[in-house]
Structure formats: C-alpha cells, structure tokens
Amino acid sequence: MERRQLGTSGVDVSRIILGCGNFGGIGSAPELFGQGENEDQAFQIMDGAWELGITTFDTADAYGGGRSETAIGKWIASRGHGPEIATKTFNPMEAGQDRGLSRARVTRQLESSLDRLGVEQVEVYLAHAFDPDTPLEEIVSTFDALQQTGLIRAWGVSNFDAAQLRRLFELGRPALVQNSYSLLERGDEGEVLALCAEFDVCYTPFGPLAGGLLTGKYRRGEKPPAQSRLALRPGPYEHLLTEETFTQLDRFAEAATSRGVSPATLAVAWLLAQPAVTSVVVGPRHVEHLEPAVAALDVQLSPAEADELARLF
C-alpha cells in the first residue's frame, strides 16, 4: 500500500482511505441512523481493509449517530490494531440536537469521539461543513488549540467551497481539504484544487464512485437495487440521473473494458492520477468492494490518458 504525508503535520496516511460513513447509518442523516452496515459487517470491512494495507479510517461523530465511531473503537479494542483515524464534527448527533463549530461544541464533540473510539488522540480532526454562525477566527483558533494540546495531530475541513477556503487560508492552514470529487462531480476543478496547490494543502476526496454510478451497477430506466446508496439516500446524486449521464457511463465502461479493469478501479485510478489528490476515501458497502479500489494503485494513467477519460464526461 502506497502512503502519503499530510504536508508538514507528520501524519502518514494510506493512499486508499477507508470511509466508515455507512457503519450504523448512511452518513449523517438522522432518519437513516441504525441502517447501513451492522457491527459484524463493519468488522468484516475493517478486517478486509487492514489485510489490504488500508490503515487510515475516516469517520465522523454523526455517522450513524455515533455508531460508526463506536464500531471502530470496538474493532480496535478487539484486534489490537492502531489505524490512523480521521474524524469530523458539525452535524447533529440526533434529529433536533445542536450542530456547528463553536469552540465549546467542537471541544465537547472531540471528547465524545475519543471516548467512542477508545483512543487518547486522533490523527486528523475535520470541520465537517462550513459554519456561517461561528467566526472563522474562532474555528481556526479552536482547531489549532486542540492540535497544540495533543488531542489531534492535524486538522482539516470538509465540504468547504473556494470562497470559504480562501477566507480560511488567510487565517490558518489546515493539513487537508476533503470534498466530493469524481469523474462525475468536478466542481472543485474550478478553484478549490488550485487553492490547495497554491497553499500546499493536501486534498483527499470522498465520493470517488459518485454514489456507485461509476461502477456501472445502475441502469437507465431501472430502479436502484434495494439498500443501495441511490435507493436509501438519492438526494446527493439525483441531478446526475440523466440520459446524458448514462450515455457517458456507457462510454466509460467501454474504456474500462479496453484496459482490462472494472469501471470502479478505473474511476479511482483517475483520481489517483490527479496531481492535487493525496489519497482517496472509499466507502465500501461490502468487503469485496475493497479490492477494486486497491487495484487502482496498479493502474498507471498518464496525464494524457487521464485527460482523455475526463473528456468522456
């Protein structure tokens, strides 16, 4: 497994990062808490990831209403392994509870995350979204202070747009930015990737398969498979469900076949070929979904080949 440094933070992460957003729920959506993978299934996925050399686990306090962090903590205790952990905060832990990035809340939430994970420190702590109600100065000073106390080794932000990042970089320097980025979702190519390069901030995208669309498992005119991401939480991807998209996906599947790899592998390989990408967060629903992501490390795309794939969309 290839590894990368998160800037000057001293934190070393695997090139493929295990996204744990489906453990005990589907992301941070309260109406789906208790769904997703149960504890046994989560253990199987973490075991499989570890065997493949994926040692960095990405989670959040609100994933499954705390169930994701709890599962990771139990797995660590039972296996004796020490993964690099990135966790996040912003969203409510239950419907109707508080959210945001105020100093008091971030500090409280980190303490609760450490308890659930059963660790004294996490490698990375991220703001899970921009908080318009908390001054950026307070957010930066809070995360810097947590780093100085040793409770976190580095900090970052997720789901920040270019304007928000530009303001943030004037005040402080996170180790990484984590946004949605894939062949089908390329909004960050406008300014975000350039900003990260300019300010030497790492970029670790999530959603590399666009909710599974880039795997080829969804078919035009057919309902999504039961329990799939598009069946349970279609909102983030509904704008992509067009005839044009499915035509593009057909061409992409042909490109994968011509290279002798699966569409999922080629989609992750395309991300790994982007100079701005440090590591890629993958969120498998089943343990067998891990190998196509790891196989992407063996697919070496030239800049011209990567550009050719991008032009398919």
C-alpha atoms as a PDB file:
ATOM      1  CA  MET A   1       0.000   0.000   0.000  1.00  0.00           C
ATOM      2  CA  GLU A   2       1.339   3.387  -1.004  1.00  0.00           C
ATOM      3  CA  ARG A   3       1.401   6.065   1.680  1.00  0.00           C
ATOM      4  CA  ARG A   4       1.470   9.859   1.705  1.00  0.00           C
ATOM      5  CA  GLN A   5       2.385  12.565   4.203  1.00  0.00           C
ATOM      6  CA  LEU A   6      -0.215  15.194   5.085  1.00  0.00           C
ATOM      7  CA  GLY A   7       2.002  18.184   4.456  1.00  0.00           C
ATOM      8  CA  THR A   8       4.257  19.043   7.377  1.00  0.00           C
ATOM      9  CA  SER A   9       1.905  17.591  10.001  1.00  0.00           C
ATOM     10  CA  GLY A  10       3.914  14.406  10.420  1.00  0.00           C
ATOM     11  CA  VAL A  11       0.759  12.364   9.791  1.00  0.00           C
ATOM     12  CA  ASP A  12       1.244   9.476   7.376  1.00  0.00           C
ATOM     13  CA  VAL A  13      -1.852   8.023   5.650  1.00  0.00           C
ATOM     14  CA  SER A  14      -2.585   5.163   3.267  1.00  0.00           C
ATOM     15  CA  ARG A  15      -3.219   6.177  -0.342  1.00  0.00           C
ATOM     16  CA  ILE A  16      -6.618   4.476  -0.105  1.00  0.00           C
ATOM     17  CA  ILE A  17      -8.565   5.558   2.987  1.00  0.00           C
ATOM     18  CA  LEU A  18     -11.437   3.516   4.405  1.00  0.00           C
ATOM     19  CA  GLY A  19     -14.581   5.641   4.619  1.00  0.00           C
ATOM     20  CA  CYS A  20     -16.733   4.423   7.516  1.00  0.00           C
ATOM     21  CA  GLY A  21     -19.803   6.561   6.855  1.00  0.00           C
ATOM     22  CA  ASN A  22     -22.063   3.533   6.348  1.00  0.00           C
ATOM     23  CA  PHE A  23     -21.334   1.894   9.695  1.00  0.00           C
ATOM     24  CA  GLY A  24     -24.602   2.064  11.627  1.00  0.00           C
ATOM     25  CA  GLY A  25     -26.223   4.537   9.236  1.00  0.00           C
ATOM     26  CA  ILE A  26     -25.936   6.223   5.860  1.00  0.00           C
ATOM     27  CA  GLY A  27     -23.744   9.207   6.555  1.00  0.00           C
ATOM     28  CA  SER A  28     -25.059  11.834   8.961  1.00  0.00           C
ATOM     29  CA  ALA A  29     -28.749  11.558   8.025  1.00  0.00           C
ATOM     30  CA  PRO A  30     -30.693  11.047  11.299  1.00  0.00           C
ATOM     31  CA  GLU A  31     -33.574   9.331   9.510  1.00  0.00           C
ATOM     32  CA  LEU A  32     -31.139   6.580   8.460  1.00  0.00           C
ATOM     33  CA  PHE A  33     -29.400   6.045  11.802  1.00  0.00           C
ATOM     34  CA  GLY A  34     -29.410   2.330  12.598  1.00  0.00           C
ATOM     35  CA  GLN A  35     -29.334   1.340   8.929  1.00  0.00           C
ATOM     36  CA  GLY A  36     -26.230   0.744   6.834  1.00  0.00           C
ATOM     37  CA  GLU A  37     -23.775  -1.912   7.977  1.00  0.00           C
ATOM     38  CA  ASN A  38     -24.266  -3.559  11.362  1.00  0.00           C
ATOM     39  CA  GLU A  39     -21.337  -4.144  13.704  1.00  0.00           C
ATOM     40  CA  ASP A  40     -20.440  -7.582  12.339  1.00  0.00           C
ATOM     41  CA  GLN A  41     -20.471  -6.283   8.771  1.00  0.00           C
ATOM     42  CA  ALA A  42     -18.394  -3.267   9.775  1.00  0.00           C
ATOM     43  CA  PHE A  43     -15.842  -5.573  11.413  1.00  0.00           C
ATOM     44  CA  GLN A  44     -15.595  -7.631   8.206  1.00  0.00           C
ATOM     45  CA  ILE A  45     -14.944  -4.491   6.177  1.00  0.00           C
ATOM     46  CA  MET A  46     -12.311  -3.206   8.603  1.00  0.00           C
ATOM     47  CA  ASP A  47     -10.620  -6.615   8.719  1.00  0.00           C
ATOM     48  CA  GLY A  48     -10.532  -6.718   4.929  1.00  0.00           C
ATOM     49  CA  ALA A  49      -9.187  -3.188   4.692  1.00  0.00           C
ATOM     50  CA  TRP A  50      -6.419  -3.878   7.178  1.00  0.00           C
ATOM     51  CA  GLU A  51      -5.360  -7.036   5.337  1.00  0.00           C
ATOM     52  CA  LEU A  52      -5.059  -4.983   2.128  1.00  0.00           C
ATOM     53  CA  GLY A  53      -2.887  -2.376   3.825  1.00  0.00           C
ATOM     54  CA  ILE A  54      -5.573   0.267   4.263  1.00  0.00           C
ATOM     55  CA  THR A  55      -4.623   1.618   7.673  1.00  0.00           C
ATOM     56  CA  THR A  56      -6.351   5.021   7.632  1.00  0.00           C
ATOM     57  CA  PHE A  57     -10.022   5.089   8.663  1.00  0.00           C
ATOM     58  CA  ASP A  58     -12.264   8.096   8.033  1.00  0.00           C
ATOM     59  CA  THR A  59     -15.370   8.633  10.169  1.00  0.00           C
ATOM     60  CA  ALA A  60     -17.408  11.388  11.865  1.00  0.00           C
ATOM     61  CA  ASP A  61     -19.164  11.820  15.178  1.00  0.00           C
ATOM     62  CA  ALA A  62     -22.565  11.997  13.472  1.00  0.00           C
ATOM     63  CA  TYR A  63     -22.108   8.979  11.188  1.00  0.00           C
ATOM     64  CA  GLY A  64     -24.855   6.668  12.363  1.00  0.00           C
ATOM     65  CA  GLY A  65     -25.377   8.959  15.355  1.00  0.00           C
ATOM     66  CA  GLY A  66     -22.071   7.794  16.858  1.00  0.00           C
ATOM     67  CA  ARG A  67     -22.410   4.174  15.780  1.00  0.00           C
ATOM     68  CA  SER A  68     -19.564   4.409  13.266  1.00  0.00           C
ATOM     69  CA  GLU A  69     -17.031   5.637  15.825  1.00  0.00           C
ATOM     70  CA  THR A  70     -18.288   3.089  18.347  1.00  0.00           C
ATOM     71  CA  ALA A  71     -17.796   0.226  15.883  1.00  0.00           C
ATOM     72  CA  ILE A  72     -14.272   1.414  15.079  1.00  0.00           C
ATOM     73  CA  GLY A  73     -13.449   1.667  18.779  1.00  0.00           C
ATOM     74  CA  LYS A  74     -14.684  -1.868  19.446  1.00  0.00           C
ATOM     75  CA  TRP A  75     -12.728  -3.164  16.448  1.00  0.00           C
ATOM     76  CA  ILE A  76      -9.522  -1.504  17.685  1.00  0.00           C
ATOM     77  CA  ALA A  77     -10.014  -2.995  21.139  1.00  0.00           C
ATOM     78  CA  SER A  78     -10.718  -6.495  19.804  1.00  0.00           C
ATOM     79  CA  ARG A  79      -7.998  -6.602  17.122  1.00  0.00           C
ATOM     80  CA  GLY A  80      -5.232  -4.649  18.799  1.00  0.00           C
ATOM     81  CA  HIS A  81      -4.573  -2.634  15.639  1.00  0.00           C
ATOM     82  CA  GLY A  82      -3.893   1.089  15.603  1.00  0.00           C
ATOM     83  CA  PRO A  83      -5.298   2.714  12.469  1.00  0.00           C
ATOM     84  CA  GLU A  84      -4.751   6.365  11.676  1.00  0.00           C
ATOM     85  CA  ILE A  85      -8.131   7.918  12.424  1.00  0.00           C
ATOM     86  CA  ALA A  86      -9.690  10.967  10.810  1.00  0.00           C
ATOM     87  CA  THR A  87     -12.978  12.051  12.345  1.00  0.00           C
ATOM     88  CA  LYS A  88     -15.159  15.092  11.866  1.00  0.00           C
ATOM     89  CA  THR A  89     -17.772  17.249  13.543  1.00  0.00           C
ATOM     90  CA  PHE A  90     -20.518  19.702  12.608  1.00  0.00           C
ATOM     91  CA  ASN A  91     -23.755  17.739  12.114  1.00  0.00           C
ATOM     92  CA  PRO A  92     -26.216  16.899  14.927  1.00  0.00           C
ATOM     93  CA  MET A  93     -25.868  13.550  16.668  1.00  0.00           C
ATOM     94  CA  GLU A  94     -29.634  13.122  16.670  1.00  0.00           C
ATOM     95  CA  ALA A  95     -32.506  14.947  14.990  1.00  0.00           C
ATOM     96  CA  GLY A  96     -33.092  18.226  16.802  1.00  0.00           C
ATOM     97  CA  GLN A  97     -29.747  18.317  18.605  1.00  0.00           C
ATOM     98  CA  ASP A  98     -27.210  21.121  18.222  1.00  0.00           C
ATOM     99  CA  ARG A  99     -24.722  21.415  15.406  1.00  0.00           C
ATOM    100  CA  GLY A 100     -21.929  23.758  14.400  1.00  0.00           C
ATOM    101  CA  LEU A 101     -18.303  24.631  15.056  1.00  0.00           C
ATOM    102  CA  SER A 102     -18.369  26.814  18.152  1.00  0.00           C
ATOM    103  CA  ARG A 103     -15.372  26.338  20.421  1.00  0.00           C
ATOM    104  CA  ALA A 104     -17.444  24.762  23.202  1.00  0.00           C
ATOM    105  CA  ARG A 105     -19.199  22.334  20.866  1.00  0.00           C
ATOM    106  CA  VAL A 106     -16.089  21.260  18.942  1.00  0.00           C
ATOM    107  CA  THR A 107     -14.229  20.613  22.191  1.00  0.00           C
ATOM    108  CA  ARG A 108     -17.155  18.657  23.631  1.00  0.00           C
ATOM    109  CA  GLN A 109     -17.607  16.620  20.473  1.00  0.00           C
ATOM    110  CA  LEU A 110     -13.937  15.721  20.239  1.00  0.00           C
ATOM    111  CA  GLU A 111     -14.010  14.416  23.799  1.00  0.00           C
ATOM    112  CA  SER A 112     -17.036  12.274  22.998  1.00  0.00           C
ATOM    113  CA  SER A 113     -15.376  10.989  19.807  1.00  0.00           C
ATOM    114  CA  LEU A 114     -12.247   9.986  21.715  1.00  0.00           C
ATOM    115  CA  ASP A 115     -14.428   8.110  24.207  1.00  0.00           C
ATOM    116  CA  ARG A 116     -16.295   6.204  21.493  1.00  0.00           C
ATOM    117  CA  LEU A 117     -13.090   5.405  19.623  1.00  0.00           C
ATOM    118  CA  GLY A 118     -11.297   4.375  22.802  1.00  0.00           C
ATOM    119  CA  VAL A 119      -8.204   6.429  21.969  1.00  0.00           C
ATOM    120  CA  GLU A 120      -6.420   9.399  23.521  1.00  0.00           C
ATOM    121  CA  GLN A 121      -5.655  11.141  20.220  1.00  0.00           C
ATOM    122  CA  VAL A 122      -6.838  11.149  16.619  1.00  0.00           C
ATOM    123  CA  GLU A 123      -4.551  11.798  13.698  1.00  0.00           C
ATOM    124  CA  VAL A 124      -6.891  14.225  11.942  1.00  0.00           C
ATOM    125  CA  TYR A 125      -9.928  16.208  13.110  1.00  0.00           C
ATOM    126  CA  LEU A 126     -12.031  17.958  10.489  1.00  0.00           C
ATOM    127  CA  ALA A 127     -14.758  20.539  10.363  1.00  0.00           C
ATOM    128  CA  HIS A 128     -17.443  18.556   8.522  1.00  0.00           C
ATOM    129  CA  ALA A 129     -19.037  21.637   6.941  1.00  0.00           C
ATOM    130  CA  PHE A 130     -18.745  25.414   6.887  1.00  0.00           C
ATOM    131  CA  ASP A 131     -20.466  27.102   9.819  1.00  0.00           C
ATOM    132  CA  PRO A 132     -21.804  30.561   8.946  1.00  0.00           C
ATOM    133  CA  ASP A 133     -22.768  31.162  12.574  1.00  0.00           C
ATOM    134  CA  THR A 134     -19.257  30.825  14.015  1.00  0.00           C
ATOM    135  CA  PRO A 135     -16.471  33.273  13.119  1.00  0.00           C
ATOM    136  CA  LEU A 136     -13.688  31.632  11.140  1.00  0.00           C
ATOM    137  CA  GLU A 137     -11.189  33.129  13.573  1.00  0.00           C
ATOM    138  CA  GLU A 138     -12.799  31.123  16.383  1.00  0.00           C
ATOM    139  CA  ILE A 139     -12.844  27.938  14.298  1.00  0.00           C
ATOM    140  CA  VAL A 140      -9.163  28.217  13.380  1.00  0.00           C
ATOM    141  CA  SER A 141      -8.062  29.032  16.916  1.00  0.00           C
ATOM    142  CA  THR A 142     -10.113  26.135  18.302  1.00  0.00           C
ATOM    143  CA  PHE A 143      -8.582  23.547  15.970  1.00  0.00           C
ATOM    144  CA  ASP A 144      -5.084  24.992  16.443  1.00  0.00           C
ATOM    145  CA  ALA A 145      -5.512  24.782  20.221  1.00  0.00           C
ATOM    146  CA  LEU A 146      -6.653  21.154  20.041  1.00  0.00           C
ATOM    147  CA  GLN A 147      -3.575  20.362  17.982  1.00  0.00           C
ATOM    148  CA  GLN A 148      -1.329  22.100  20.493  1.00  0.00           C
ATOM    149  CA  THR A 149      -2.834  20.114  23.372  1.00  0.00           C
ATOM    150  CA  GLY A 150      -2.010  16.860  21.577  1.00  0.00           C
ATOM    151  CA  LEU A 151      -5.588  15.621  21.287  1.00  0.00           C
ATOM    152  CA  ILE A 152      -5.276  15.818  17.486  1.00  0.00           C
ATOM    153  CA  ARG A 153      -2.176  15.674  15.316  1.00  0.00           C
ATOM    154  CA  ALA A 154      -3.600  17.661  12.394  1.00  0.00           C
ATOM    155  CA  TRP A 155      -6.836  19.318  11.348  1.00  0.00           C
ATOM    156  CA  GLY A 156      -8.729  19.876   8.165  1.00  0.00           C
ATOM    157  CA  VAL A 157     -12.029  20.915   6.626  1.00  0.00           C
ATOM    158  CA  SER A 158     -14.660  19.141   4.552  1.00  0.00           C
ATOM    159  CA  ASN A 159     -17.372  20.445   2.230  1.00  0.00           C
ATOM    160  CA  PHE A 160     -15.864  23.949   2.010  1.00  0.00           C
ATOM    161  CA  ASP A 161     -16.149  25.814  -1.284  1.00  0.00           C
ATOM    162  CA  ALA A 162     -13.485  28.011  -2.862  1.00  0.00           C
ATOM    163  CA  ALA A 163     -14.661  31.285  -1.317  1.00  0.00           C
ATOM    164  CA  GLN A 164     -14.787  29.734   2.140  1.00  0.00           C
ATOM    165  CA  LEU A 165     -11.338  28.196   1.717  1.00  0.00           C
ATOM    166  CA  ARG A 166      -9.851  31.480   0.542  1.00  0.00           C
ATOM    167  CA  ARG A 167     -11.066  33.171   3.728  1.00  0.00           C
ATOM    168  CA  LEU A 168      -9.881  30.244   5.836  1.00  0.00           C
ATOM    169  CA  PHE A 169      -6.374  30.228   4.345  1.00  0.00           C
ATOM    170  CA  GLU A 170      -5.975  33.882   5.278  1.00  0.00           C
ATOM    171  CA  LEU A 171      -6.328  32.889   8.937  1.00  0.00           C
ATOM    172  CA  GLY A 172      -4.777  29.442   9.252  1.00  0.00           C
ATOM    173  CA  ARG A 173      -3.515  26.445   7.396  1.00  0.00           C
ATOM    174  CA  PRO A 174      -5.362  23.135   7.661  1.00  0.00           C
ATOM    175  CA  ALA A 175      -3.461  19.996   6.706  1.00  0.00           C
ATOM    176  CA  LEU A 176      -6.127  18.854   4.273  1.00  0.00           C
ATOM    177  CA  VAL A 177      -9.361  19.552   2.456  1.00  0.00           C
ATOM    178  CA  GLN A 178     -11.867  16.740   1.946  1.00  0.00           C
ATOM    179  CA  ASN A 179     -14.587  17.372  -0.638  1.00  0.00           C
ATOM    180  CA  SER A 180     -16.627  15.294  -3.051  1.00  0.00           C
ATOM    181  CA  TYR A 181     -14.732  14.794  -6.306  1.00  0.00           C
ATOM    182  CA  SER A 182     -15.047  12.242  -9.087  1.00  0.00           C
ATOM    183  CA  LEU A 183     -15.287  11.981 -12.843  1.00  0.00           C
ATOM    184  CA  LEU A 184     -18.960  12.897 -12.489  1.00  0.00           C
ATOM    185  CA  GLU A 185     -18.544  15.674  -9.893  1.00  0.00           C
ATOM    186  CA  ARG A 186     -15.813  18.059 -10.948  1.00  0.00           C
ATOM    187  CA  GLY A 187     -16.805  21.332  -9.332  1.00  0.00           C
ATOM    188  CA  ASP A 188     -13.571  21.552  -7.344  1.00  0.00           C
ATOM    189  CA  GLU A 189     -11.576  21.781 -10.561  1.00  0.00           C
ATOM    190  CA  GLY A 190     -12.728  25.385 -10.881  1.00  0.00           C
ATOM    191  CA  GLU A 191     -10.804  26.895  -7.952  1.00  0.00           C
ATOM    192  CA  VAL A 192     -10.545  24.507  -4.986  1.00  0.00           C
ATOM    193  CA  LEU A 193      -7.771  22.299  -6.376  1.00  0.00           C
ATOM    194  CA  ALA A 194      -5.748  25.336  -7.424  1.00  0.00           C
ATOM    195  CA  LEU A 195      -6.124  26.873  -3.970  1.00  0.00           C
ATOM    196  CA  CYS A 196      -4.951  23.683  -2.287  1.00  0.00           C
ATOM    197  CA  ALA A 197      -1.917  23.583  -4.574  1.00  0.00           C
ATOM    198  CA  GLU A 198      -1.142  27.266  -4.017  1.00  0.00           C
ATOM    199  CA  PHE A 199      -1.252  26.979  -0.244  1.00  0.00           C
ATOM    200  CA  ASP A 200       0.288  23.484  -0.096  1.00  0.00           C
ATOM    201  CA  VAL A 201      -2.800  21.888   1.467  1.00  0.00           C
ATOM    202  CA  CYS A 202      -3.472  18.197   0.872  1.00  0.00           C
ATOM    203  CA  TYR A 203      -6.654  17.093  -0.858  1.00  0.00           C
ATOM    204  CA  THR A 204      -8.353  13.782  -0.014  1.00  0.00           C
ATOM    205  CA  PRO A 205     -11.609  13.468  -1.979  1.00  0.00           C
ATOM    206  CA  PHE A 206     -14.571  11.338  -0.999  1.00  0.00           C
ATOM    207  CA  GLY A 207     -17.307  10.018  -3.286  1.00  0.00           C
ATOM    208  CA  PRO A 208     -14.913   8.644  -5.936  1.00  0.00           C
ATOM    209  CA  LEU A 209     -17.672   6.483  -7.463  1.00  0.00           C
ATOM    210  CA  ALA A 210     -20.422   9.142  -7.322  1.00  0.00           C
ATOM    211  CA  GLY A 211     -22.720   7.060  -5.171  1.00  0.00           C
ATOM    212  CA  GLY A 212     -21.960   3.936  -7.203  1.00  0.00           C
ATOM    213  CA  LEU A 213     -22.850   5.422 -10.582  1.00  0.00           C
ATOM    214  CA  LEU A 214     -19.298   4.970 -11.840  1.00  0.00           C
ATOM    215  CA  THR A 215     -19.380   1.245 -11.023  1.00  0.00           C
ATOM    216  CA  GLY A 216     -21.999   0.620 -13.701  1.00  0.00           C
ATOM    217  CA  LYS A 217     -24.438  -1.036 -11.306  1.00  0.00           C
ATOM    218  CA  TYR A 218     -27.255   1.427 -12.014  1.00  0.00           C
ATOM    219  CA  ARG A 219     -29.126   1.116 -15.298  1.00  0.00           C
ATOM    220  CA  ARG A 220     -31.114   3.691 -17.202  1.00  0.00           C
ATOM    221  CA  GLY A 221     -34.843   3.255 -16.693  1.00  0.00           C
ATOM    222  CA  GLU A 222     -34.426   0.798 -13.794  1.00  0.00           C
ATOM    223  CA  LYS A 223     -34.953   1.301 -10.069  1.00  0.00           C
ATOM    224  CA  PRO A 224     -31.784   1.279  -7.961  1.00  0.00           C
ATOM    225  CA  PRO A 225     -31.058  -2.040  -6.196  1.00  0.00           C
ATOM    226  CA  ALA A 226     -32.590  -2.328  -2.723  1.00  0.00           C
ATOM    227  CA  GLN A 227     -30.347  -0.974   0.063  1.00  0.00           C
ATOM    228  CA  SER A 228     -28.049   0.705  -2.470  1.00  0.00           C
ATOM    229  CA  ARG A 229     -26.940   4.278  -1.881  1.00  0.00           C
ATOM    230  CA  LEU A 230     -29.275   5.646  -4.531  1.00  0.00           C
ATOM    231  CA  ALA A 231     -32.164   3.693  -3.037  1.00  0.00           C
ATOM    232  CA  LEU A 232     -31.533   4.863   0.536  1.00  0.00           C
ATOM    233  CA  ARG A 233     -30.211   8.397   0.046  1.00  0.00           C
ATOM    234  CA  PRO A 234     -30.583   9.524  -3.570  1.00  0.00           C
ATOM    235  CA  GLY A 235     -30.559  13.263  -2.883  1.00  0.00           C
ATOM    236  CA  PRO A 236     -26.841  13.997  -3.470  1.00  0.00           C
ATOM    237  CA  TYR A 237     -26.882  12.226  -6.830  1.00  0.00           C
ATOM    238  CA  GLU A 238     -30.342  12.840  -8.287  1.00  0.00           C
ATOM    239  CA  HIS A 239     -29.034  15.637 -10.503  1.00  0.00           C
ATOM    240  CA  LEU A 240     -26.816  13.077 -12.251  1.00  0.00           C
ATOM    241  CA  LEU A 241     -29.615  10.688 -13.207  1.00  0.00           C
ATOM    242  CA  THR A 242     -29.985  11.892 -16.780  1.00  0.00           C
ATOM    243  CA  GLU A 243     -29.896  10.216 -20.181  1.00  0.00           C
ATOM    244  CA  GLU A 244     -26.679  12.090 -20.929  1.00  0.00           C
ATOM    245  CA  THR A 245     -25.017  10.707 -17.796  1.00  0.00           C
ATOM    246  CA  PHE A 246     -25.920   7.114 -18.641  1.00  0.00           C
ATOM    247  CA  THR A 247     -24.573   7.576 -22.161  1.00  0.00           C
ATOM    248  CA  GLN A 248     -21.321   8.871 -20.668  1.00  0.00           C
ATOM    249  CA  LEU A 249     -21.216   5.921 -18.261  1.00  0.00           C
ATOM    250  CA  ASP A 250     -21.589   3.501 -21.162  1.00  0.00           C
ATOM    251  CA  ARG A 251     -18.538   5.038 -22.841  1.00  0.00           C
ATOM    252  CA  PHE A 252     -16.614   4.906 -19.573  1.00  0.00           C
ATOM    253  CA  ALA A 253     -17.459   1.205 -19.103  1.00  0.00           C
ATOM    254  CA  GLU A 254     -16.064   0.540 -22.585  1.00  0.00           C
ATOM    255  CA  ALA A 255     -12.864   2.382 -21.658  1.00  0.00           C
ATOM    256  CA  ALA A 256     -12.500   0.230 -18.541  1.00  0.00           C
ATOM    257  CA  THR A 257     -13.076  -2.971 -20.508  1.00  0.00           C
ATOM    258  CA  SER A 258     -10.444  -1.974 -23.040  1.00  0.00           C
ATOM    259  CA  ARG A 259      -7.943  -1.651 -20.186  1.00  0.00           C
ATOM    260  CA  GLY A 260      -8.948  -4.939 -18.580  1.00  0.00           C
ATOM    261  CA  VAL A 261     -10.173  -3.371 -15.335  1.00  0.00           C
ATOM    262  CA  SER A 262     -13.520  -2.698 -13.726  1.00  0.00           C
ATOM    263  CA  PRO A 263     -15.150   0.744 -14.012  1.00  0.00           C
ATOM    264  CA  ALA A 264     -14.727   1.181 -10.238  1.00  0.00           C
ATOM    265  CA  THR A 265     -10.999   0.552 -10.480  1.00  0.00           C
ATOM    266  CA  LEU A 266     -10.605   2.964 -13.380  1.00  0.00           C
ATOM    267  CA  ALA A 267     -12.605   5.676 -11.592  1.00  0.00           C
ATOM    268  CA  VAL A 268     -10.343   5.509  -8.537  1.00  0.00           C
ATOM    269  CA  ALA A 269      -7.231   5.291 -10.738  1.00  0.00           C
ATOM    270  CA  TRP A 270      -8.301   8.512 -12.479  1.00  0.00           C
ATOM    271  CA  LEU A 271      -8.430  10.290  -9.119  1.00  0.00           C
ATOM    272  CA  LEU A 272      -5.051   8.916  -8.058  1.00  0.00           C
ATOM    273  CA  ALA A 273      -3.617  10.276 -11.324  1.00  0.00           C
ATOM    274  CA  GLN A 274      -4.652  13.833 -10.445  1.00  0.00           C
ATOM    275  CA  PRO A 275      -1.614  15.771  -9.147  1.00  0.00           C
ATOM    276  CA  ALA A 276      -3.684  17.514  -6.451  1.00  0.00           C
ATOM    277  CA  VAL A 277      -5.012  14.269  -4.913  1.00  0.00           C
ATOM    278  CA  THR A 278      -3.146  12.965  -1.872  1.00  0.00           C
ATOM    279  CA  SER A 279      -5.344   9.976  -1.022  1.00  0.00           C
ATOM    280  CA  VAL A 280      -8.847   8.795  -1.919  1.00  0.00           C
ATOM    281  CA  VAL A 281     -11.602   7.988   0.588  1.00  0.00           C
ATOM    282  CA  VAL A 282     -13.651   4.951  -0.449  1.00  0.00           C
ATOM    283  CA  GLY A 283     -16.807   3.870   1.393  1.00  0.00           C
ATOM    284  CA  PRO A 284     -17.483   0.203   0.585  1.00  0.00           C
ATOM    285  CA  ARG A 285     -20.818  -1.347   1.478  1.00  0.00           C
ATOM    286  CA  HIS A 286     -19.298  -4.854   1.309  1.00  0.00           C
ATOM    287  CA  VAL A 287     -15.802  -6.191   1.922  1.00  0.00           C
ATOM    288  CA  GLU A 288     -15.472  -7.325  -1.707  1.00  0.00           C
ATOM    289  CA  HIS A 289     -15.750  -3.678  -2.794  1.00  0.00           C
ATOM    290  CA  LEU A 290     -12.283  -3.001  -1.352  1.00  0.00           C
ATOM    291  CA  GLU A 291     -10.200  -4.889  -3.891  1.00  0.00           C
ATOM    292  CA  PRO A 292     -11.274  -2.837  -6.947  1.00  0.00           C
ATOM    293  CA  ALA A 293     -10.188   0.315  -5.108  1.00  0.00           C
ATOM    294  CA  VAL A 294      -6.819  -1.126  -4.126  1.00  0.00           C
ATOM    295  CA  ALA A 295      -6.339  -2.456  -7.669  1.00  0.00           C
ATOM    296  CA  ALA A 296      -6.417   1.154  -8.860  1.00  0.00           C
ATOM    297  CA  LEU A 297      -2.944   1.617  -7.381  1.00  0.00           C
ATOM    298  CA  ASP A 298      -1.604  -0.650 -10.136  1.00  0.00           C
ATOM    299  CA  VAL A 299      -3.265   1.321 -12.946  1.00  0.00           C
ATOM    300  CA  GLN A 300      -0.823   3.975 -14.058  1.00  0.00           C
ATOM    301  CA  LEU A 301      -2.550   6.635 -16.137  1.00  0.00           C
ATOM    302  CA  SER A 302      -0.508   9.212 -17.988  1.00  0.00           C
ATOM    303  CA  PRO A 303      -1.728  12.816 -17.918  1.00  0.00           C
ATOM    304  CA  ALA A 304      -2.947  12.388 -21.495  1.00  0.00           C
ATOM    305  CA  GLU A 305      -4.857   9.217 -20.613  1.00  0.00           C
ATOM    306  CA  ALA A 306      -6.430  10.880 -17.562  1.00  0.00           C
ATOM    307  CA  ASP A 307      -7.480  13.845 -19.701  1.00  0.00           C
ATOM    308  CA  GLU A 308      -8.970  11.506 -22.280  1.00  0.00           C
ATOM    309  CA  LEU A 309     -11.130   9.841 -19.600  1.00  0.00           C
ATOM    310  CA  ALA A 310     -12.205  13.219 -18.246  1.00  0.00           C
ATOM    311  CA  ARG A 311     -13.420  14.213 -21.707  1.00  0.00           C
ATOM    312  CA  LEU A 312     -15.882  11.315 -21.652  1.00  0.00           C
ATOM    313  CA  PHE A 313     -17.972  13.333 -19.180  1.00  0.00           C
END
